[in-house]
């Protein structure tokens, strides 16, 4: 801001008021610059916080995706294992029933306590 000149012969009271007005304008402009700088810093911090939040959110989404995939794999393995065990149990029951039939056809009593 360039300093205006006060013409010679101006009453000292008017010169004082003009000088006071210049000081007020200068203080107001300095205050505005300070506010503008604070707003810019706050916006930068907000942008940085948003970027950090977005990065953290992306990491969490990735972790959730991996956990879902792992859960799906574990569920498939569990289902396969349960199916395998059910099949083995069914085979054992069928063999037991056949053994009972064979023993009965030969007149041998079946003792479930001694059976394998």
Protein backbone atom coordinates (compact mmCIF):
# COMPACT_ATOMS: atom_id res chain seq x y z
CA UNK A 1 0.00 0.00 0.00
CA UNK A 2 1.44 3.35 -0.99
CA UNK A 3 1.24 6.14 1.50
CA UNK A 4 -0.92 9.01 0.33
CA UNK A 5 0.38 12.49 0.87
CA UNK A 6 -1.44 15.06 2.89
CA UNK A 7 -1.48 18.45 1.18
CA UNK A 8 0.30 21.28 2.93
CA UNK A 9 -1.86 23.64 4.82
CA UNK A 10 -4.31 20.97 5.90
CA UNK A 11 -5.66 21.46 9.35
CA UNK A 12 -3.77 19.25 11.88
CA UNK A 13 -7.04 17.69 13.09
CA UNK A 14 -7.91 16.58 9.55
CA UNK A 15 -4.36 15.31 9.06
CA UNK A 16 -4.69 13.33 12.30
CA UNK A 17 -8.05 11.88 11.25
CA UNK A 18 -6.62 10.95 7.84
CA UNK A 19 -3.62 9.34 9.50
CA UNK A 20 -5.90 7.47 11.90
CA UNK A 21 -8.02 6.29 8.94
CA UNK A 22 -4.87 5.04 7.20
CA UNK A 23 -3.84 3.15 10.34
CA UNK A 24 -7.32 1.59 10.60
CA UNK A 25 -7.24 0.56 6.93
CA UNK A 26 -3.73 -0.86 7.33
CA UNK A 27 -4.76 -2.78 10.48
CA UNK A 28 -7.90 -4.08 8.74
CA UNK A 29 -5.90 -5.25 5.72
CA UNK A 30 -3.31 -6.92 7.97
CA UNK A 31 -6.11 -8.62 9.88
CA UNK A 32 -7.70 -9.79 6.61
CA UNK A 33 -4.34 -11.18 5.42
CA UNK A 34 -3.96 -13.00 8.72
CA UNK A 35 -7.46 -14.45 8.45
CA UNK A 36 -6.85 -15.48 4.84
CA UNK A 37 -3.62 -17.24 5.85
CA UNK A 38 -5.37 -19.01 8.72
CA UNK A 39 -8.15 -20.15 6.39
CA UNK A 40 -5.61 -21.41 3.84
CA UNK A 41 -3.71 -23.32 6.55
CA UNK A 42 -6.96 -24.79 7.87
CA UNK A 43 -7.96 -25.84 4.35
CA UNK A 44 -4.56 -27.49 3.80
CA UNK A 45 -4.87 -29.33 7.11
CA UNK A 46 -8.42 -30.39 6.24
CA UNK A 47 -7.29 -31.62 2.81
CA UNK A 48 -4.41 -33.53 4.37
CA UNK A 49 -6.71 -35.03 7.01
CA UNK A 50 -9.16 -36.04 4.28
CA UNK A 51 -6.38 -37.67 2.26
CA UNK A 52 -5.16 -39.54 5.35
CA UNK A 53 -8.72 -40.62 6.16
CA UNK A 54 -9.25 -41.80 2.59
CA UNK A 55 -5.98 -43.76 2.69
CA UNK A 56 -6.93 -45.34 6.02
CA UNK A 57 -10.39 -46.15 4.68
CA UNK A 58 -8.85 -47.77 1.59
CA UNK A 59 -6.57 -49.87 3.83
CA UNK A 60 -9.54 -50.92 5.96
CA UNK A 61 -11.59 -51.81 2.88
CA UNK A 62 -8.67 -53.89 1.62
CA UNK A 63 -8.41 -55.65 4.99
CA UNK A 64 -12.16 -56.33 5.01
CA UNK A 65 -11.93 -57.71 1.48
CA UNK A 66 -9.06 -60.00 2.49
CA UNK A 67 -10.91 -61.13 5.62
CA UNK A 68 -14.04 -61.86 3.59
CA UNK A 69 -11.98 -63.88 1.14
CA UNK A 70 -10.31 -65.74 3.99
CA UNK A 71 -13.69 -66.38 5.63
CA UNK A 72 -15.07 -67.67 2.33
CA UNK A 73 -12.08 -70.02 1.95
CA UNK A 74 -12.39 -71.25 5.53
CA UNK A 75 -16.12 -71.78 5.09
CA UNK A 76 -15.48 -73.80 1.92
CA UNK A 77 -12.83 -75.89 3.70
CA UNK A 78 -15.13 -76.41 6.67
CA UNK A 79 -18.01 -77.42 4.41
CA UNK A 80 -15.77 -79.84 2.50
CA UNK A 81 -14.47 -81.34 5.75
CA UNK A 82 -17.98 -81.74 7.17
CA UNK A 83 -19.11 -83.39 3.93
CA UNK A 84 -16.10 -85.73 4.02
CA UNK A 85 -16.78 -86.69 7.64
CA UNK A 86 -20.47 -87.25 6.91
CA UNK A 87 -19.52 -89.50 3.99
CA UNK A 88 -17.10 -91.47 6.22
CA UNK A 89 -19.78 -91.85 8.88
CA UNK A 90 -22.27 -93.08 6.29
CA UNK A 91 -19.73 -95.58 4.93
CA UNK A 92 -19.01 -96.81 8.45
CA UNK A 93 -22.72 -97.22 9.15
CA UNK A 94 -23.20 -99.10 5.86
CA UNK A 95 -20.26 -101.42 6.64
CA UNK A 96 -21.61 -102.01 10.13
CA UNK A 97 -25.02 -102.86 8.70
CA UNK A 98 -23.43 -105.25 6.15
CA UNK A 99 -21.40 -106.87 8.92
CA UNK A 100 -24.55 -107.36 10.98
CA UNK A 101 -26.24 -108.93 7.95
CA UNK A 102 -23.30 -111.27 7.26
CA UNK A 103 -23.07 -112.33 10.88
CA UNK A 104 -26.82 -112.86 11.08
CA UNK A 105 -26.79 -114.93 7.86
CA UNK A 106 -24.21 -117.22 9.49
CA UNK A 107 -26.06 -117.35 12.77
CA UNK A 108 -23.50 -115.35 14.71
CA UNK A 109 -24.93 -112.81 17.14
CA UNK A 110 -23.71 -109.26 16.65
CA UNK A 111 -22.32 -107.58 19.75
CA UNK A 112 -22.03 -103.85 19.18
CA UNK A 113 -19.76 -103.54 22.24
CA UNK A 114 -17.11 -105.77 20.63
CA UNK A 115 -17.57 -104.56 17.08
CA UNK A 116 -14.79 -102.49 15.54
